[in-house]
Amino acid sequence: MQTHKAKRVEITIEAIMERRLTEALERAGVKGFTILPVLGGSGRSGRWSREGQVSRASGMVAIVCIIHPNRLDALLEAVFSVLDRYIGVVSVTDCEVVRADRF
């Protein structure tokens, strides 16, 4: 089966920023994404956990996009137009997809 090169972008942000970021992605022409809850982790501020948090707004989410490589710059511009002033981690990795027309 033939595969096609793509980019996988994962953005971890505060849950309260989810809607603003997904709207920016849609305006940038991103066709699809997946939103996952982040249960906990560790970073510059130490360990944290979603357990015991009063509301979803104080947690984190990961938004995963798989896109054609020539769309990466537009996606990153959209992401950083939102993340510039907020907590967030962005990673970009190479991947391959079977149905390139979907991305």
Protein backbone atom coordinates (compact mmCIF):
# COMPACT_ATOMS: atom_id res chain seq x y z
CA MET A 1 0.00 0.00 0.00
CA GLN A 2 1.32 3.43 -0.91
CA THR A 3 1.88 6.03 1.80
CA HIS A 4 2.26 9.81 1.55
CA LYS A 5 4.38 12.19 3.62
CA ALA A 6 2.54 14.38 6.11
CA LYS A 7 3.19 16.41 9.27
CA ARG A 8 1.75 15.62 12.69
CA VAL A 9 1.34 18.68 14.88
CA GLU A 10 0.49 18.31 18.56
CA ILE A 11 -0.42 21.37 20.61
CA THR A 12 -0.85 21.12 24.38
CA ILE A 13 -2.67 24.14 25.81
CA GLU A 14 -4.85 25.25 28.69
CA ALA A 15 -8.36 23.88 28.13
CA ILE A 16 -9.82 27.37 28.37
CA MET A 17 -7.97 28.25 25.10
CA GLU A 18 -9.32 25.25 23.16
CA ARG A 19 -12.08 27.06 21.29
CA ARG A 20 -9.93 30.05 20.36
CA LEU A 21 -7.22 27.76 18.99
CA THR A 22 -9.55 25.46 17.04
CA GLU A 23 -11.26 28.48 15.46
CA ALA A 24 -7.85 29.84 14.40
CA LEU A 25 -6.95 26.43 12.92
CA GLU A 26 -10.19 26.34 10.95
CA ARG A 27 -9.60 29.88 9.61
CA ALA A 28 -6.13 28.69 8.50
CA GLY A 29 -7.74 25.92 6.45
CA VAL A 30 -7.02 22.96 8.71
CA LYS A 31 -9.55 20.30 7.68
CA GLY A 32 -9.52 18.26 10.87
CA PHE A 33 -8.06 17.78 14.29
CA THR A 34 -8.49 15.63 17.38
CA ILE A 35 -8.84 17.01 20.90
CA LEU A 36 -7.62 14.87 23.78
CA PRO A 37 -7.79 15.52 27.54
CA VAL A 38 -4.43 15.78 29.25
CA LEU A 39 -4.53 13.99 32.60
CA GLY A 40 -1.35 15.41 34.07
CA GLY A 41 2.33 15.97 33.52
CA SER A 42 5.44 17.74 34.59
CA GLY A 43 7.12 20.89 33.33
CA ARG A 44 9.01 23.98 34.45
CA SER A 45 6.49 24.53 37.24
CA GLY A 46 6.73 20.95 38.50
CA ARG A 47 4.22 18.08 38.46
CA TRP A 48 0.51 18.67 38.06
CA SER A 49 -2.59 16.52 37.75
CA ARG A 50 -6.10 17.02 36.50
CA GLU A 51 -7.37 15.13 39.58
CA GLY A 52 -8.89 17.35 42.18
CA GLN A 53 -9.41 20.27 39.80
CA VAL A 54 -12.74 21.97 40.27
CA SER A 55 -13.42 22.73 36.61
CA ARG A 56 -12.32 21.61 33.17
CA ALA A 57 -11.15 25.18 32.47
CA SER A 58 -8.16 24.75 34.76
CA GLY A 59 -6.91 21.63 32.92
CA MET A 60 -5.01 21.06 29.70
CA VAL A 61 -5.91 19.55 26.31
CA ALA A 62 -3.83 18.24 23.42
CA ILE A 63 -4.95 19.09 19.90
CA VAL A 64 -3.52 16.82 17.21
CA CYS A 65 -3.54 17.70 13.50
CA ILE A 66 -2.18 15.76 10.54
CA ILE A 67 -1.63 17.96 7.51
CA HIS A 68 0.09 18.10 4.14
CA PRO A 69 3.64 19.50 4.56
CA ASN A 70 2.95 22.58 2.43
CA ARG A 71 0.25 23.67 4.93
CA LEU A 72 2.55 23.62 7.96
CA ASP A 73 3.54 27.31 7.91
CA ALA A 74 -0.09 28.49 7.82
CA LEU A 75 -0.98 26.14 10.68
CA LEU A 76 1.94 27.34 12.83
CA GLU A 77 1.11 31.00 12.17
CA ALA A 78 -2.46 30.33 13.34
CA VAL A 79 -1.24 28.49 16.44
CA PHE A 80 1.18 31.20 17.47
CA SER A 81 -1.35 33.96 16.88
CA VAL A 82 -3.20 32.37 19.83
CA LEU A 83 -0.37 30.89 21.91
CA ASP A 84 1.91 33.91 21.88
CA ARG A 85 0.69 35.03 25.31
CA TYR A 86 -0.41 31.70 26.82
CA ILE A 87 1.03 28.46 28.14
CA GLY A 88 1.47 25.93 25.36
CA VAL A 89 3.75 23.32 23.85
CA VAL A 90 3.89 22.66 20.11
CA SER A 91 5.62 19.70 18.49
CA VAL A 92 5.91 18.83 14.80
CA THR A 93 6.87 15.37 13.57
CA ASP A 94 7.05 13.67 10.20
CA CYS A 95 4.49 10.95 9.55
CA GLU A 96 2.97 9.06 6.65
CA VAL A 97 -0.68 8.63 5.76
CA VAL A 98 -2.49 6.18 3.52
CA ARG A 99 -5.18 8.51 2.16
CA ALA A 100 -3.45 11.82 1.37
CA ASP A 101 -6.63 13.39 -0.02
CA ARG A 102 -8.03 13.53 3.53
CA PHE A 103 -5.32 15.91 4.74
